[in-house]
N, C-alpha and C. Protein backbone atom coordinates (compact mmCIF):
# COMPACT_ATOMS: atom_id res chain seq x y z
N UNK A 1 72.69 110.00 114.20
CA UNK A 1 73.28 111.28 113.86
C UNK A 1 74.75 111.08 113.51
N UNK A 2 75.20 111.62 112.39
CA UNK A 2 76.60 111.44 111.99
C UNK A 2 77.57 112.13 112.95
N UNK A 3 78.73 111.54 113.08
CA UNK A 3 79.80 112.08 113.92
C UNK A 3 80.93 112.54 113.01
N UNK A 4 81.55 113.67 113.36
CA UNK A 4 82.70 114.21 112.62
C UNK A 4 83.98 113.78 113.33
N UNK A 5 84.84 113.08 112.63
CA UNK A 5 86.13 112.65 113.16
C UNK A 5 87.23 113.41 112.43
N UNK A 6 88.06 114.11 113.17
CA UNK A 6 89.23 114.77 112.60
C UNK A 6 90.43 113.87 112.84
N UNK A 7 91.07 113.47 111.75
CA UNK A 7 92.16 112.50 111.80
C UNK A 7 93.38 113.12 111.14
N UNK A 8 94.54 112.88 111.71
CA UNK A 8 95.78 113.38 111.14
C UNK A 8 96.70 112.21 110.81
N UNK A 9 97.34 112.31 109.66
CA UNK A 9 98.40 111.38 109.27
C UNK A 9 99.69 112.20 109.30
N UNK A 10 100.42 112.18 110.43
CA UNK A 10 101.59 113.04 110.58
C UNK A 10 102.68 112.77 109.55
N UNK A 11 102.85 111.50 109.18
CA UNK A 11 103.84 111.12 108.18
C UNK A 11 103.13 110.22 107.16
N UNK A 12 102.54 110.82 106.14
CA UNK A 12 101.74 110.03 105.19
C UNK A 12 102.48 108.85 104.57
N UNK A 13 103.78 108.97 104.36
CA UNK A 13 104.51 107.85 103.75
C UNK A 13 104.59 106.65 104.69
N UNK A 14 104.44 106.87 105.99
CA UNK A 14 104.46 105.78 106.97
C UNK A 14 103.06 105.25 107.28
N UNK A 15 102.03 105.92 106.78
CA UNK A 15 100.64 105.54 107.08
C UNK A 15 100.24 104.30 106.30
N UNK A 16 100.77 103.19 106.75
CA UNK A 16 100.52 101.90 106.12
C UNK A 16 100.29 100.87 107.21
N UNK A 17 99.30 100.03 107.01
CA UNK A 17 99.04 98.95 107.95
C UNK A 17 100.06 97.84 107.81
N UNK A 18 100.02 96.89 108.72
CA UNK A 18 101.00 95.81 108.71
C UNK A 18 100.75 94.78 107.60
N UNK A 19 99.54 94.73 107.08
CA UNK A 19 99.20 93.79 106.01
C UNK A 19 98.95 94.58 104.72
N UNK A 20 99.84 94.46 103.74
CA UNK A 20 99.68 95.23 102.50
C UNK A 20 98.35 95.01 101.78
N UNK A 21 97.70 93.88 102.04
CA UNK A 21 96.39 93.63 101.40
C UNK A 21 95.31 94.53 101.96
N UNK A 22 95.54 95.12 103.14
CA UNK A 22 94.55 95.95 103.80
C UNK A 22 94.97 97.42 103.87
N UNK A 23 96.21 97.67 103.62
CA UNK A 23 96.84 98.96 103.87
C UNK A 23 96.48 100.05 102.85
N UNK A 24 96.59 101.31 103.32
CA UNK A 24 96.54 102.43 102.39
C UNK A 24 97.58 102.23 101.30
N UNK A 25 97.27 102.66 100.09
CA UNK A 25 98.25 102.72 99.01
C UNK A 25 98.41 104.16 98.54
N UNK A 26 97.69 105.06 99.17
CA UNK A 26 97.62 106.47 98.76
C UNK A 26 98.93 107.21 99.02
N UNK A 27 99.08 108.33 98.30
CA UNK A 27 100.19 109.24 98.52
C UNK A 27 99.70 110.66 98.76
N UNK A 28 98.56 111.02 98.21
CA UNK A 28 98.04 112.38 98.35
C UNK A 28 96.78 112.44 99.19
N UNK A 29 96.44 113.64 99.64
CA UNK A 29 95.29 113.85 100.53
C UNK A 29 93.99 113.32 99.93
N UNK A 30 93.75 113.62 98.66
CA UNK A 30 92.50 113.17 98.03
C UNK A 30 92.40 111.66 97.98
N UNK A 31 93.50 110.99 97.69
CA UNK A 31 93.47 109.53 97.58
C UNK A 31 93.33 108.87 98.95
N UNK A 32 94.00 109.42 99.98
CA UNK A 32 93.80 108.91 101.33
C UNK A 32 92.32 109.03 101.71
N UNK A 33 91.73 110.18 101.41
CA UNK A 33 90.32 110.41 101.72
C UNK A 33 89.43 109.42 100.98
N UNK A 34 89.70 109.20 99.70
CA UNK A 34 88.90 108.25 98.91
C UNK A 34 88.99 106.84 99.48
N UNK A 35 90.20 106.42 99.85
CA UNK A 35 90.38 105.06 100.35
C UNK A 35 89.70 104.87 101.70
N UNK A 36 89.79 105.86 102.59
CA UNK A 36 89.09 105.75 103.88
C UNK A 36 87.58 105.78 103.65
N UNK A 37 87.11 106.65 102.78
CA UNK A 37 85.68 106.72 102.49
C UNK A 37 85.16 105.38 101.98
N UNK A 38 85.90 104.76 101.08
CA UNK A 38 85.51 103.45 100.56
C UNK A 38 85.47 102.41 101.69
N UNK A 39 86.42 102.49 102.63
CA UNK A 39 86.47 101.55 103.75
C UNK A 39 85.28 101.72 104.69
N UNK A 40 84.70 102.92 104.70
CA UNK A 40 83.54 103.17 105.56
C UNK A 40 82.23 102.87 104.84
N UNK A 41 82.19 103.11 103.54
CA UNK A 41 80.95 102.95 102.76
C UNK A 41 80.67 101.51 102.33
N UNK A 42 81.72 100.75 102.10
CA UNK A 42 81.55 99.40 101.52
C UNK A 42 82.16 98.35 102.45
N UNK A 43 81.77 97.09 102.28
CA UNK A 43 82.33 96.02 103.12
C UNK A 43 83.65 95.46 102.58
N UNK A 44 84.21 96.02 101.53
CA UNK A 44 85.38 95.43 100.86
C UNK A 44 86.56 95.24 101.81
N UNK A 45 86.95 96.28 102.54
CA UNK A 45 88.10 96.16 103.45
C UNK A 45 87.81 95.13 104.54
N UNK A 46 86.64 95.19 105.13
CA UNK A 46 86.27 94.22 106.17
C UNK A 46 86.33 92.79 105.62
N UNK A 47 85.78 92.58 104.43
CA UNK A 47 85.76 91.23 103.85
C UNK A 47 87.18 90.74 103.55
N UNK A 48 88.08 91.64 103.11
CA UNK A 48 89.48 91.26 102.89
C UNK A 48 90.12 90.83 104.21
N UNK A 49 89.87 91.62 105.26
CA UNK A 49 90.43 91.28 106.57
C UNK A 49 89.83 89.96 107.08
N UNK A 50 88.53 89.82 106.96
CA UNK A 50 87.86 88.60 107.45
C UNK A 50 88.42 87.36 106.77
N UNK A 51 88.73 87.48 105.49
CA UNK A 51 89.28 86.33 104.75
C UNK A 51 90.65 85.91 105.28
N UNK A 52 91.34 86.79 105.97
CA UNK A 52 92.66 86.45 106.51
C UNK A 52 92.58 85.76 107.87
N UNK A 53 91.39 85.70 108.45
CA UNK A 53 91.22 85.11 109.77
C UNK A 53 91.16 83.58 109.70
N UNK A 54 91.60 82.95 110.78
CA UNK A 54 91.64 81.49 110.83
C UNK A 54 90.26 80.88 110.59
N UNK A 55 89.22 81.48 111.19
CA UNK A 55 87.85 81.00 110.99
C UNK A 55 86.97 82.20 110.61
N UNK A 56 86.96 82.57 109.31
CA UNK A 56 86.21 83.76 108.87
C UNK A 56 84.74 83.75 109.28
N UNK A 57 84.13 82.58 109.35
CA UNK A 57 82.72 82.51 109.71
C UNK A 57 82.48 82.82 111.18
N UNK A 58 83.54 82.80 111.97
CA UNK A 58 83.42 83.06 113.40
C UNK A 58 83.62 84.54 113.75
N UNK A 59 83.90 85.38 112.75
CA UNK A 59 84.13 86.81 112.98
C UNK A 59 82.81 87.50 113.29
N UNK A 60 82.83 88.35 114.31
CA UNK A 60 81.65 89.12 114.71
C UNK A 60 81.24 90.04 113.55
N UNK A 61 80.03 89.87 113.00
CA UNK A 61 79.61 90.66 111.85
C UNK A 61 79.47 92.16 112.14
N UNK A 62 79.39 92.54 113.42
CA UNK A 62 79.26 93.96 113.73
C UNK A 62 80.50 94.75 113.30
N UNK A 63 81.65 94.09 113.16
CA UNK A 63 82.86 94.77 112.67
C UNK A 63 82.75 95.12 111.20
N UNK A 64 81.77 94.56 110.50
CA UNK A 64 81.60 94.80 109.08
C UNK A 64 80.57 95.87 108.75
N UNK A 65 80.07 96.58 109.76
CA UNK A 65 79.06 97.61 109.52
C UNK A 65 79.58 98.64 108.51
N UNK A 66 78.67 99.11 107.67
CA UNK A 66 79.03 100.14 106.68
C UNK A 66 78.08 101.32 106.80
N UNK A 67 78.50 102.42 106.20
CA UNK A 67 77.69 103.64 106.16
C UNK A 67 77.78 104.18 104.73
N UNK A 68 76.80 103.84 103.88
CA UNK A 68 76.83 104.29 102.49
C UNK A 68 76.86 105.81 102.33
N UNK A 69 76.46 106.54 103.38
CA UNK A 69 76.47 108.00 103.31
C UNK A 69 77.72 108.65 103.89
N UNK A 70 78.69 107.85 104.31
CA UNK A 70 79.92 108.40 104.90
C UNK A 70 80.65 109.25 103.87
N UNK A 71 81.24 110.34 104.35
CA UNK A 71 82.08 111.19 103.49
C UNK A 71 83.40 111.44 104.19
N UNK A 72 84.45 111.53 103.41
CA UNK A 72 85.78 111.84 103.94
C UNK A 72 86.41 112.87 103.03
N UNK A 73 86.92 113.92 103.62
CA UNK A 73 87.66 114.93 102.85
C UNK A 73 89.08 114.97 103.39
N UNK A 74 90.02 115.35 102.53
CA UNK A 74 91.41 115.40 102.95
C UNK A 74 92.09 116.66 102.45
N UNK A 75 93.08 117.10 103.21
CA UNK A 75 93.88 118.24 102.75
C UNK A 75 95.29 118.09 103.29
N UNK A 76 96.21 118.57 102.49
CA UNK A 76 97.61 118.58 102.87
C UNK A 76 97.85 119.78 103.78
N UNK A 77 98.55 119.59 104.88
CA UNK A 77 98.86 120.67 105.82
C UNK A 77 100.33 120.51 106.20
N UNK A 78 101.18 121.31 105.58
CA UNK A 78 102.63 121.14 105.69
C UNK A 78 102.96 119.72 105.22
N UNK A 79 103.59 118.92 106.06
CA UNK A 79 103.97 117.57 105.64
C UNK A 79 102.92 116.53 105.98
N UNK A 80 101.96 116.87 106.83
CA UNK A 80 100.95 115.89 107.24
C UNK A 80 99.69 116.03 106.38
N UNK A 81 98.84 115.03 106.51
CA UNK A 81 97.54 115.04 105.84
C UNK A 81 96.47 115.01 106.91
N UNK A 82 95.50 115.91 106.78
CA UNK A 82 94.37 115.96 107.69
C UNK A 82 93.13 115.44 106.96
N UNK A 83 92.42 114.54 107.63
CA UNK A 83 91.20 113.95 107.08
C UNK A 83 90.04 114.28 108.01
N UNK A 84 88.88 114.52 107.42
CA UNK A 84 87.65 114.68 108.19
C UNK A 84 86.66 113.64 107.67
N UNK A 85 86.30 112.71 108.56
CA UNK A 85 85.34 111.67 108.22
C UNK A 85 84.02 111.99 108.92
N UNK A 86 82.95 111.98 108.16
CA UNK A 86 81.61 112.18 108.71
C UNK A 86 80.84 110.89 108.46
N UNK A 87 80.50 110.22 109.57
CA UNK A 87 79.91 108.89 109.44
C UNK A 87 79.07 108.52 110.65
N UNK A 88 78.22 107.54 110.44
CA UNK A 88 77.42 106.96 111.52
C UNK A 88 78.08 105.69 112.08
N UNK A 89 79.20 105.30 111.53
CA UNK A 89 79.90 104.10 112.00
C UNK A 89 80.42 104.35 113.41
N UNK A 90 80.28 103.38 114.32
CA UNK A 90 80.78 103.56 115.69
C UNK A 90 82.29 103.83 115.71
N UNK A 91 82.71 104.59 116.70
CA UNK A 91 84.11 104.98 116.82
C UNK A 91 85.08 103.81 116.89
N UNK A 92 84.71 102.74 117.60
CA UNK A 92 85.63 101.60 117.70
C UNK A 92 85.83 100.91 116.35
N UNK A 93 84.80 100.90 115.52
CA UNK A 93 84.91 100.30 114.18
C UNK A 93 85.76 101.21 113.28
N UNK A 94 85.53 102.51 113.35
CA UNK A 94 86.34 103.46 112.58
C UNK A 94 87.82 103.32 112.94
N UNK A 95 88.12 103.24 114.22
CA UNK A 95 89.51 103.11 114.67
C UNK A 95 90.13 101.81 114.17
N UNK A 96 89.36 100.72 114.18
CA UNK A 96 89.88 99.45 113.68
C UNK A 96 90.19 99.54 112.19
N UNK A 97 89.32 100.18 111.44
CA UNK A 97 89.58 100.34 109.99
C UNK A 97 90.85 101.16 109.76
N UNK A 98 91.02 102.21 110.57
CA UNK A 98 92.24 103.02 110.45
C UNK A 98 93.49 102.21 110.80
N UNK A 99 93.39 101.32 111.77
CA UNK A 99 94.54 100.47 112.10
C UNK A 99 94.87 99.53 110.94
N UNK A 100 93.85 98.99 110.29
CA UNK A 100 94.10 98.14 109.12
C UNK A 100 94.76 98.95 108.01
N UNK A 101 94.26 100.16 107.80
CA UNK A 101 94.75 100.99 106.69
C UNK A 101 96.10 101.64 106.97
N UNK A 102 96.28 102.18 108.18
CA UNK A 102 97.46 103.01 108.47
C UNK A 102 98.33 102.48 109.60
N UNK A 103 98.00 101.33 110.15
CA UNK A 103 98.77 100.84 111.30
C UNK A 103 98.58 101.78 112.48
N UNK A 104 99.67 102.18 113.10
CA UNK A 104 99.61 103.11 114.24
C UNK A 104 100.01 104.53 113.83
N UNK A 105 100.06 104.78 112.54
CA UNK A 105 100.56 106.06 112.02
C UNK A 105 99.43 107.05 111.73
N UNK A 106 98.52 107.21 112.67
CA UNK A 106 97.43 108.17 112.55
C UNK A 106 97.09 108.68 113.94
N UNK A 107 96.45 109.84 113.98
CA UNK A 107 96.04 110.44 115.24
C UNK A 107 94.60 110.91 115.12
N UNK A 108 93.81 110.60 116.12
CA UNK A 108 92.45 111.11 116.20
C UNK A 108 92.53 112.44 116.93
N UNK A 109 92.24 113.53 116.21
CA UNK A 109 92.45 114.87 116.76
C UNK A 109 91.21 115.46 117.41
N UNK A 110 90.02 115.10 116.91
CA UNK A 110 88.79 115.68 117.44
C UNK A 110 87.61 114.81 117.02
N UNK A 111 86.61 114.77 117.89
CA UNK A 111 85.35 114.07 117.60
C UNK A 111 84.24 115.01 118.03
N UNK A 112 83.29 115.24 117.11
CA UNK A 112 82.14 116.08 117.47
C UNK A 112 80.90 115.61 116.77
């Protein structure tokens, strides 16, 4: 059963991970939503991260799980951006993807 995650980017300009190869490049709500949706639907972000590891073949493949049916919507709310991700991906994997994309510049507001 899909889970709804409400995520906030309080300062979208700071929502960047520590590695530019993995980080958000978005500026607007729609583009942030598209980039997170792609990170949930496809293995591209995981494979980029895995390639940066000392022994890529030793990485636990469960971190690469995808959900081709995942959807993410975004909207601007004052200065922050609110995202709603609907996915079957486990919460710990979703949080890891957000850390790659946004560093620590995101907040999980609600899960249902």
